[in-house]
Structure formats: structure tokens, C-alpha cells
Amino acid sequence: MVIAIDGPAASGKGTLSRALAERLGFAHLDTGALYRAVAYEVMQAGGDPEDEGDALAGVESLKAKLSNPSINILHNSNTGGGKEGNAGSAGGSADVLGNPILKEDHVGGGASKVAAIPSVRAALLDLQRDFAAHPGEGFEGAVLDGRDIGTVICPQAPVKLFVTASDEVRAERRTKELQSKGISVTKAAVLKDMCERDARDASRTEAPMKPADDAILIDSSHLDPAEMLDKALKIVQERLSL
């Protein structure tokens, strides 16, 4: 059982995906973290995220780390997951995708650039589909969130959601998040960067960010996390006849 959740940055899709996975006892994968991790590998090596060769080298470096059983994020849970918790997550304190630096804006910008390279997307495709097909022992299914889950990664998913919010709301959320971490930013700068990234993600030739034809839209502009979860649960129950 797979639930596909797509949407732009700061739309609330990550928060919703984690909460939904926890409620349903599903594993969770933030697929954007894969691209951020690739971008980080490229940057650490002094490469250019827009260079195909550098980006593919970053993919291979990431895959080598993920092949290490001690940090294989695709089937490890976070501190609140696994059989003893309610949900597993591909991202935790001890694994590759849980590195806090991946959330920083410069890494996110790099992620948008490597994600625009078709060969990079192809190289990461199997990792994501493997997680969806085999979420791990103890999980009833998987929730994947990203920008092309419902259109490319899991087009046959029985439940597809596209989470969005106004540009102003998303910029406000992101600004507060960064400032809470002690990062000095202005809302205007965040809005500019966000709109540029949205444009790149929506206009790329390979797997552009867009709702699947059968995705249900959730506008989170005026919803808190609990309201978003309630709305999503109703959709899931209707789609799956739970």
C-alpha cells in the first residue's frame, strides 16, 4: 500500500507525510532528502551541482553510504519508529538523510539543480521504488513525499495528494523555521529563492513538479497540522474504503 504526496517547498507536505505515516503505521520516505544528500555530496567534493558528471559522482557516493548496513536509511526507522513505534522514517539521527545540514537553503538550492539532471533522477528511481515496494518488516505500507511521486515514482499509488499553499504563507513558514535555527534571513529573500526553485522544479523536462491527474489537492494555507492530517485521513479512508 503506497500513499504518494507531492508539493512545493514549505507547503506542509513533509509534516503531513510524517504524521500520516505515524497514524497508519506506514514507513515514510522524504524523497527530497535523497536529492539534498546528493547535492551535499557534490558540494563536499568541491563539485558543481549543475554538472552531470559531478552530480552522478555524488549519486555513487551516496549509494555507497546507503549500502552500509549500519546506515542503510531505506529500511531503518527513526527514534520513534519501527515495531516499537508507530512509523518508520528514512531519516533519523544516526543515518545519512538525517543530517541537519541537508535542511539548509544552500543545500536545497543544490538539490533543485541536481534534480533537474535526467540521469540523476534515473539513478535514484530504483531506490525510491524499492522503498515503496518493500517498506520493511512491521509496516503496513509506505508514505513517500516529494515532487514527482504520484506522476513518476509511484503512478499506480491508490492515494495521491498534492499539498500546496500560497507563496506568501510558504515564505513566512520557511523564514520562521530558519530564524528559529538562528539563521539570519529576510522573508523577501526566502520568497525569491523559493519562487526560483519552484520555477526550476516545475519547468524541468524530466519529471516536472505537477499534480498527478488523479491527485487530490490540499491547500494548507489556512490549515494547521492537525487539520491537514484530519483532511488527509478522510481522503485515505474514502480512497481505500477503510
C-alpha atoms as a PDB file:
ATOM      1  CA  MET A   1       0.000   0.000   0.000  1.00  0.00           C
ATOM      2  CA  VAL A   2       1.517   3.311  -1.092  1.00  0.00           C
ATOM      3  CA  ILE A   3       0.447   6.891  -0.437  1.00  0.00           C
ATOM      4  CA  ALA A   4       2.052   9.476  -2.728  1.00  0.00           C
ATOM      5  CA  ILE A   5       2.316  13.056  -1.506  1.00  0.00           C
ATOM      6  CA  ASP A   6       3.739  15.817  -3.690  1.00  0.00           C
ATOM      7  CA  GLY A   7       4.044  19.565  -3.434  1.00  0.00           C
ATOM      8  CA  PRO A   8       6.433  22.525  -3.333  1.00  0.00           C
ATOM      9  CA  ALA A   9       8.756  23.522  -0.500  1.00  0.00           C
ATOM     10  CA  ALA A  10       7.195  24.631   2.803  1.00  0.00           C
ATOM     11  CA  SER A  11       3.741  23.531   1.676  1.00  0.00           C
ATOM     12  CA  GLY A  12       3.438  21.274   4.698  1.00  0.00           C
ATOM     13  CA  LYS A  13       3.758  18.007   2.775  1.00  0.00           C
ATOM     14  CA  GLY A  14       6.630  16.749   4.938  1.00  0.00           C
ATOM     15  CA  THR A  15       4.803  17.408   8.186  1.00  0.00           C
ATOM     16  CA  LEU A  16       1.676  15.782   6.802  1.00  0.00           C
ATOM     17  CA  SER A  17       3.561  12.774   5.429  1.00  0.00           C
ATOM     18  CA  ARG A  18       5.264  12.025   8.728  1.00  0.00           C
ATOM     19  CA  ALA A  19       2.029  12.404  10.690  1.00  0.00           C
ATOM     20  CA  LEU A  20       0.059  10.275   8.241  1.00  0.00           C
ATOM     21  CA  ALA A  21       2.682   7.524   8.280  1.00  0.00           C
ATOM     22  CA  GLU A  22       2.705   7.530  12.072  1.00  0.00           C
ATOM     23  CA  ARG A  23      -1.082   7.328  12.290  1.00  0.00           C
ATOM     24  CA  LEU A  24      -1.336   4.492   9.752  1.00  0.00           C
ATOM     25  CA  GLY A  25       1.709   2.516  10.845  1.00  0.00           C
ATOM     26  CA  PHE A  26       3.405   3.085   7.487  1.00  0.00           C
ATOM     27  CA  ALA A  27       7.077   3.685   6.735  1.00  0.00           C
ATOM     28  CA  HIS A  28       7.957   7.172   5.482  1.00  0.00           C
ATOM     29  CA  LEU A  29      10.482   8.398   2.926  1.00  0.00           C
ATOM     30  CA  ASP A  30      11.233  12.049   2.239  1.00  0.00           C
ATOM     31  CA  THR A  31      12.499  11.588  -1.311  1.00  0.00           C
ATOM     32  CA  GLY A  32      13.695  15.175  -1.446  1.00  0.00           C
ATOM     33  CA  ALA A  33      16.286  14.208   1.146  1.00  0.00           C
ATOM     34  CA  LEU A  34      17.874  11.908  -1.437  1.00  0.00           C
ATOM     35  CA  TYR A  35      18.444  14.850  -3.773  1.00  0.00           C
ATOM     36  CA  ARG A  36      19.645  17.063  -0.946  1.00  0.00           C
ATOM     37  CA  ALA A  37      22.073  14.331   0.082  1.00  0.00           C
ATOM     38  CA  VAL A  38      23.384  14.064  -3.481  1.00  0.00           C
ATOM     39  CA  ALA A  39      23.833  17.837  -3.648  1.00  0.00           C
ATOM     40  CA  TYR A  40      25.662  17.778  -0.331  1.00  0.00           C
ATOM     41  CA  GLU A  41      27.986  15.018  -1.563  1.00  0.00           C
ATOM     42  CA  VAL A  42      28.758  17.121  -4.651  1.00  0.00           C
ATOM     43  CA  MET A  43      29.424  20.243  -2.592  1.00  0.00           C
ATOM     44  CA  GLN A  44      31.628  18.360  -0.150  1.00  0.00           C
ATOM     45  CA  ALA A  45      33.719  17.157  -3.086  1.00  0.00           C
ATOM     46  CA  GLY A  46      34.024  20.694  -4.459  1.00  0.00           C
ATOM     47  CA  GLY A  47      31.882  19.909  -7.474  1.00  0.00           C
ATOM     48  CA  ASP A  48      29.149  21.762  -9.340  1.00  0.00           C
ATOM     49  CA  PRO A  49      25.555  20.558  -8.728  1.00  0.00           C
ATOM     50  CA  GLU A  50      24.662  21.560 -12.288  1.00  0.00           C
ATOM     51  CA  ASP A  51      27.439  19.433 -13.807  1.00  0.00           C
ATOM     52  CA  GLU A  52      26.152  15.989 -14.777  1.00  0.00           C
ATOM     53  CA  GLY A  53      29.434  14.230 -14.079  1.00  0.00           C
ATOM     54  CA  ASP A  54      29.798  15.798 -10.648  1.00  0.00           C
ATOM     55  CA  ALA A  55      26.165  15.057  -9.821  1.00  0.00           C
ATOM     56  CA  LEU A  56      26.427  11.398 -10.835  1.00  0.00           C
ATOM     57  CA  ALA A  57      29.590  11.068  -8.764  1.00  0.00           C
ATOM     58  CA  GLY A  58      27.524  12.424  -5.878  1.00  0.00           C
ATOM     59  CA  VAL A  59      24.891   9.757  -6.506  1.00  0.00           C
ATOM     60  CA  GLU A  60      27.501   6.999  -6.405  1.00  0.00           C
ATOM     61  CA  SER A  61      28.987   8.413  -3.206  1.00  0.00           C
ATOM     62  CA  LEU A  62      25.545   8.463  -1.600  1.00  0.00           C
ATOM     63  CA  LYS A  63      24.714   4.941  -2.772  1.00  0.00           C
ATOM     64  CA  ALA A  64      27.973   3.672  -1.301  1.00  0.00           C
ATOM     65  CA  LYS A  65      26.965   5.085   2.076  1.00  0.00           C
ATOM     66  CA  LEU A  66      23.459   3.677   1.832  1.00  0.00           C
ATOM     67  CA  SER A  67      24.848   0.215   1.073  1.00  0.00           C
ATOM     68  CA  ASN A  68      26.456   0.190   4.519  1.00  0.00           C
ATOM     69  CA  PRO A  69      24.005  -1.804   6.708  1.00  0.00           C
ATOM     70  CA  SER A  70      24.708   0.431   9.701  1.00  0.00           C
ATOM     71  CA  ILE A  71      23.385   3.487   7.900  1.00  0.00           C
ATOM     72  CA  ASN A  72      21.017   1.992   5.330  1.00  0.00           C
ATOM     73  CA  ILE A  73      18.254   4.564   5.664  1.00  0.00           C
ATOM     74  CA  LEU A  74      15.884   2.825   3.289  1.00  0.00           C
ATOM     75  CA  HIS A  75      14.947   0.232   5.869  1.00  0.00           C
ATOM     76  CA  ASN A  76      15.916   1.777   9.185  1.00  0.00           C
ATOM     77  CA  SER A  77      13.436   3.637  11.363  1.00  0.00           C
ATOM     78  CA  ASN A  78      13.889   6.807  13.298  1.00  0.00           C
ATOM     79  CA  THR A  79      13.900   7.061  17.080  1.00  0.00           C
ATOM     80  CA  GLY A  80      10.124   6.956  17.203  1.00  0.00           C
ATOM     81  CA  GLY A  81       9.530   4.233  14.673  1.00  0.00           C
ATOM     82  CA  GLY A  82       9.883   0.623  13.759  1.00  0.00           C
ATOM     83  CA  LYS A  83       7.982  -2.097  15.555  1.00  0.00           C
ATOM     84  CA  GLU A  84       8.231  -0.250  18.854  1.00  0.00           C
ATOM     85  CA  GLY A  85       6.831   2.977  17.457  1.00  0.00           C
ATOM     86  CA  ASN A  86       4.152   3.952  15.049  1.00  0.00           C
ATOM     87  CA  ALA A  87       6.142   4.686  11.949  1.00  0.00           C
ATOM     88  CA  GLY A  88       9.490   4.222  10.368  1.00  0.00           C
ATOM     89  CA  SER A  89      11.278   7.022   8.619  1.00  0.00           C
ATOM     90  CA  ALA A  90      14.063   7.178   6.095  1.00  0.00           C
ATOM     91  CA  GLY A  91      15.854   9.842   8.054  1.00  0.00           C
ATOM     92  CA  GLY A  92      16.996   9.812  11.665  1.00  0.00           C
ATOM     93  CA  SER A  93      19.765  10.981  13.974  1.00  0.00           C
ATOM     94  CA  ALA A  94      22.181   8.220  13.004  1.00  0.00           C
ATOM     95  CA  ASP A  95      21.675   7.976   9.276  1.00  0.00           C
ATOM     96  CA  VAL A  96      22.695   9.752   6.120  1.00  0.00           C
ATOM     97  CA  LEU A  97      19.425  11.507   5.328  1.00  0.00           C
ATOM     98  CA  GLY A  98      19.034  12.706   8.890  1.00  0.00           C
ATOM     99  CA  ASN A  99      21.987  15.099   8.634  1.00  0.00           C
ATOM    100  CA  PRO A 100      20.608  18.509   9.748  1.00  0.00           C
ATOM    101  CA  ILE A 101      22.744  20.351   7.203  1.00  0.00           C
ATOM    102  CA  LEU A 102      20.591  18.891   4.437  1.00  0.00           C
ATOM    103  CA  LYS A 103      17.807  21.262   5.524  1.00  0.00           C
ATOM    104  CA  GLU A 104      19.904  24.365   4.902  1.00  0.00           C
ATOM    105  CA  ASP A 105      18.886  26.571   1.991  1.00  0.00           C
ATOM    106  CA  HIS A 106      22.140  26.319   0.044  1.00  0.00           C
ATOM    107  CA  VAL A 107      21.815  22.527   0.021  1.00  0.00           C
ATOM    108  CA  GLY A 108      18.164  22.795  -1.019  1.00  0.00           C
ATOM    109  CA  GLY A 109      19.181  25.021  -3.908  1.00  0.00           C
ATOM    110  CA  GLY A 110      21.768  22.472  -4.958  1.00  0.00           C
ATOM    111  CA  ALA A 111      19.179  19.723  -4.692  1.00  0.00           C
ATOM    112  CA  SER A 112      16.925  21.535  -7.141  1.00  0.00           C
ATOM    113  CA  LYS A 113      19.842  21.707  -9.586  1.00  0.00           C
ATOM    114  CA  VAL A 114      20.877  18.050  -9.393  1.00  0.00           C
ATOM    115  CA  ALA A 115      17.215  17.048  -9.576  1.00  0.00           C
ATOM    116  CA  ALA A 116      16.952  18.747 -12.973  1.00  0.00           C
ATOM    117  CA  ILE A 117      19.502  16.302 -14.439  1.00  0.00           C
ATOM    118  CA  PRO A 118      17.643  13.336 -16.027  1.00  0.00           C
ATOM    119  CA  SER A 119      20.433  10.818 -15.393  1.00  0.00           C
ATOM    120  CA  VAL A 120      20.439  11.695 -11.689  1.00  0.00           C
ATOM    121  CA  ARG A 121      16.700  11.151 -11.421  1.00  0.00           C
ATOM    122  CA  ALA A 122      17.045   7.834 -13.241  1.00  0.00           C
ATOM    123  CA  ALA A 123      19.837   6.754 -10.905  1.00  0.00           C
ATOM    124  CA  LEU A 124      17.676   7.386  -7.829  1.00  0.00           C
ATOM    125  CA  LEU A 125      14.479   5.921  -9.251  1.00  0.00           C
ATOM    126  CA  ASP A 126      15.047   2.336  -8.121  1.00  0.00           C
ATOM    127  CA  LEU A 127      15.919   3.390  -4.562  1.00  0.00           C
ATOM    128  CA  GLN A 128      12.566   5.111  -4.212  1.00  0.00           C
ATOM    129  CA  ARG A 129      10.537   2.369  -5.852  1.00  0.00           C
ATOM    130  CA  ASP A 130      12.274  -0.267  -3.754  1.00  0.00           C
ATOM    131  CA  PHE A 131      11.251   1.565  -0.602  1.00  0.00           C
ATOM    132  CA  ALA A 132       7.653   1.798  -1.817  1.00  0.00           C
ATOM    133  CA  ALA A 133       7.515  -1.899  -2.687  1.00  0.00           C
ATOM    134  CA  HIS A 134       9.404  -3.126   0.388  1.00  0.00           C
ATOM    135  CA  PRO A 135       8.946  -0.627   3.244  1.00  0.00           C
ATOM    136  CA  GLY A 136      10.317  -3.040   5.801  1.00  0.00           C
ATOM    137  CA  GLU A 137       9.135  -5.572   8.327  1.00  0.00           C
ATOM    138  CA  GLY A 138       6.393  -4.356  10.618  1.00  0.00           C
ATOM    139  CA  PHE A 139       4.964  -1.719   8.281  1.00  0.00           C
ATOM    140  CA  GLU A 140       1.599  -1.935   6.542  1.00  0.00           C
ATOM    141  CA  GLY A 141       2.661   0.305   3.676  1.00  0.00           C
ATOM    142  CA  ALA A 142       4.666   3.370   2.740  1.00  0.00           C
ATOM    143  CA  VAL A 143       4.171   7.114   2.502  1.00  0.00           C
ATOM    144  CA  LEU A 144       6.526   8.832   0.064  1.00  0.00           C
ATOM    145  CA  ASP A 145       6.683  12.586  -0.303  1.00  0.00           C
ATOM    146  CA  GLY A 146       8.452  14.626  -2.938  1.00  0.00           C
ATOM    147  CA  ARG A 147       7.704  16.370  -6.197  1.00  0.00           C
ATOM    148  CA  ASP A 148       7.092  13.522  -8.643  1.00  0.00           C
ATOM    149  CA  ILE A 149       5.849  10.628  -6.511  1.00  0.00           C
ATOM    150  CA  GLY A 150       2.361  10.458  -7.982  1.00  0.00           C
ATOM    151  CA  THR A 151       3.459  11.172 -11.548  1.00  0.00           C
ATOM    152  CA  VAL A 152       6.694   9.168 -11.913  1.00  0.00           C
ATOM    153  CA  ILE A 153       7.826   7.182  -8.872  1.00  0.00           C
ATOM    154  CA  CYS A 154       4.531   5.555  -7.889  1.00  0.00           C
ATOM    155  CA  PRO A 155       1.971   6.429 -10.592  1.00  0.00           C
ATOM    156  CA  GLN A 156      -0.184   3.456  -9.544  1.00  0.00           C
ATOM    157  CA  ALA A 157      -0.462   4.576  -5.907  1.00  0.00           C
ATOM    158  CA  PRO A 158      -4.107   4.283  -4.800  1.00  0.00           C
ATOM    159  CA  VAL A 159      -3.893   7.559  -2.877  1.00  0.00           C
ATOM    160  CA  LYS A 160      -2.228  10.644  -4.346  1.00  0.00           C
ATOM    161  CA  LEU A 161      -2.200  14.022  -2.657  1.00  0.00           C
ATOM    162  CA  PHE A 162      -0.762  17.323  -3.836  1.00  0.00           C
ATOM    163  CA  VAL A 163      -0.172  19.727  -0.958  1.00  0.00           C
ATOM    164  CA  THR A 164       0.217  23.406  -1.675  1.00  0.00           C
ATOM    165  CA  ALA A 165      -0.067  26.826  -0.040  1.00  0.00           C
ATOM    166  CA  SER A 166       0.229  30.417  -1.168  1.00  0.00           C
ATOM    167  CA  ASP A 167       3.719  31.762  -1.871  1.00  0.00           C
ATOM    168  CA  GLU A 168       3.377  34.240   0.990  1.00  0.00           C
ATOM    169  CA  VAL A 169       2.394  31.581   3.501  1.00  0.00           C
ATOM    170  CA  ARG A 170       5.168  29.247   2.421  1.00  0.00           C
ATOM    171  CA  ALA A 171       7.766  32.007   2.594  1.00  0.00           C
ATOM    172  CA  GLU A 172       6.558  33.003   6.056  1.00  0.00           C
ATOM    173  CA  ARG A 173       6.790  29.411   7.290  1.00  0.00           C
ATOM    174  CA  ARG A 174      10.265  28.933   5.875  1.00  0.00           C
ATOM    175  CA  THR A 175      11.506  32.254   7.243  1.00  0.00           C
ATOM    176  CA  LYS A 176      10.309  31.417  10.749  1.00  0.00           C
ATOM    177  CA  GLU A 177      11.878  27.960  10.526  1.00  0.00           C
ATOM    178  CA  LEU A 178      15.265  29.361   9.533  1.00  0.00           C
ATOM    179  CA  GLN A 179      15.163  32.166  12.079  1.00  0.00           C
ATOM    180  CA  SER A 180      14.309  29.676  14.822  1.00  0.00           C
ATOM    181  CA  LYS A 181      17.605  27.981  13.991  1.00  0.00           C
ATOM    182  CA  GLY A 182      19.497  31.229  14.382  1.00  0.00           C
ATOM    183  CA  ILE A 183      19.865  31.798  10.644  1.00  0.00           C
ATOM    184  CA  SER A 184      19.535  35.450   9.645  1.00  0.00           C
ATOM    185  CA  VAL A 185      17.222  35.726   6.638  1.00  0.00           C
ATOM    186  CA  THR A 186      14.537  38.041   5.336  1.00  0.00           C
ATOM    187  CA  LYS A 187      11.154  36.933   4.106  1.00  0.00           C
ATOM    188  CA  ALA A 188      11.794  38.718   0.801  1.00  0.00           C
ATOM    189  CA  ALA A 189      14.983  36.734   0.190  1.00  0.00           C
ATOM    190  CA  VAL A 190      13.316  33.465   1.149  1.00  0.00           C
ATOM    191  CA  LEU A 191      10.376  34.204  -1.152  1.00  0.00           C
ATOM    192  CA  LYS A 192      12.713  34.978  -4.057  1.00  0.00           C
ATOM    193  CA  ASP A 193      14.726  31.777  -3.592  1.00  0.00           C
ATOM    194  CA  MET A 194      11.568  29.721  -3.173  1.00  0.00           C
ATOM    195  CA  CYS A 195       9.949  31.054  -6.330  1.00  0.00           C
ATOM    196  CA  GLU A 196      13.137  30.429  -8.319  1.00  0.00           C
ATOM    197  CA  ARG A 197      13.287  26.851  -7.074  1.00  0.00           C
ATOM    198  CA  ASP A 198       9.593  26.297  -7.815  1.00  0.00           C
ATOM    199  CA  ALA A 199      10.153  27.550 -11.361  1.00  0.00           C
ATOM    200  CA  ARG A 200      13.099  25.179 -11.869  1.00  0.00           C
ATOM    201  CA  ASP A 201      11.195  22.223 -10.472  1.00  0.00           C
ATOM    202  CA  ALA A 202       8.045  22.910 -12.480  1.00  0.00           C
ATOM    203  CA  SER A 203       9.802  23.615 -15.794  1.00  0.00           C
ATOM    204  CA  ARG A 204      12.397  20.840 -15.916  1.00  0.00           C
ATOM    205  CA  THR A 205      11.931  18.465 -18.829  1.00  0.00           C
ATOM    206  CA  GLU A 206      12.350  15.324 -16.705  1.00  0.00           C
ATOM    207  CA  ALA A 207       9.638  14.700 -14.103  1.00  0.00           C
ATOM    208  CA  PRO A 208       8.454  18.278 -13.586  1.00  0.00           C
ATOM    209  CA  MET A 209       6.683  19.096 -10.353  1.00  0.00           C
ATOM    210  CA  LYS A 210       2.947  18.948 -11.000  1.00  0.00           C
ATOM    211  CA  PRO A 211      -0.109  17.216  -9.562  1.00  0.00           C
ATOM    212  CA  ALA A 212      -0.941  13.781 -10.930  1.00  0.00           C
ATOM    213  CA  ASP A 213      -4.158  13.812 -12.935  1.00  0.00           C
ATOM    214  CA  ASP A 214      -5.931  11.894 -10.172  1.00  0.00           C
ATOM    215  CA  ALA A 215      -4.277  13.637  -7.216  1.00  0.00           C
ATOM    216  CA  ILE A 216      -6.421  15.383  -4.632  1.00  0.00           C
ATOM    217  CA  LEU A 217      -5.345  18.934  -3.854  1.00  0.00           C
ATOM    218  CA  ILE A 218      -4.895  20.046  -0.247  1.00  0.00           C
ATOM    219  CA  ASP A 219      -4.353  23.777   0.234  1.00  0.00           C
ATOM    220  CA  SER A 220      -2.663  24.156   3.601  1.00  0.00           C
ATOM    221  CA  SER A 221      -2.591  27.969   3.593  1.00  0.00           C
ATOM    222  CA  HIS A 222      -5.155  28.185   6.387  1.00  0.00           C
ATOM    223  CA  LEU A 223      -4.807  24.735   7.956  1.00  0.00           C
ATOM    224  CA  ASP A 224      -2.796  23.740  10.999  1.00  0.00           C
ATOM    225  CA  PRO A 225      -1.018  20.337  11.060  1.00  0.00           C
ATOM    226  CA  ALA A 226      -3.891  18.619  12.889  1.00  0.00           C
ATOM    227  CA  GLU A 227      -6.443  19.910  10.377  1.00  0.00           C
ATOM    228  CA  MET A 228      -4.249  18.788   7.486  1.00  0.00           C
ATOM    229  CA  LEU A 229      -3.956  15.317   8.977  1.00  0.00           C
ATOM    230  CA  ASP A 230      -7.711  15.034   9.517  1.00  0.00           C
ATOM    231  CA  LYS A 231      -8.366  16.069   5.929  1.00  0.00           C
ATOM    232  CA  ALA A 232      -5.807  13.595   4.568  1.00  0.00           C
ATOM    233  CA  LEU A 233      -7.113  10.742   6.723  1.00  0.00           C
ATOM    234  CA  LYS A 234     -10.629  11.267   5.379  1.00  0.00           C
ATOM    235  CA  ILE A 235      -9.285  11.114   1.823  1.00  0.00           C
ATOM    236  CA  VAL A 236      -7.309   7.950   2.568  1.00  0.00           C
ATOM    237  CA  GLN A 237     -10.315   6.299   4.196  1.00  0.00           C
ATOM    238  CA  GLU A 238     -12.525   7.165   1.228  1.00  0.00           C
ATOM    239  CA  ARG A 239      -9.991   6.001  -1.358  1.00  0.00           C
ATOM    240  CA  LEU A 240      -9.140   2.774   0.453  1.00  0.00           C
ATOM    241  CA  SER A 241     -12.634   2.143   1.838  1.00  0.00           C
ATOM    242  CA  LEU A 242     -11.249   1.849   5.363  1.00  0.00           C
END
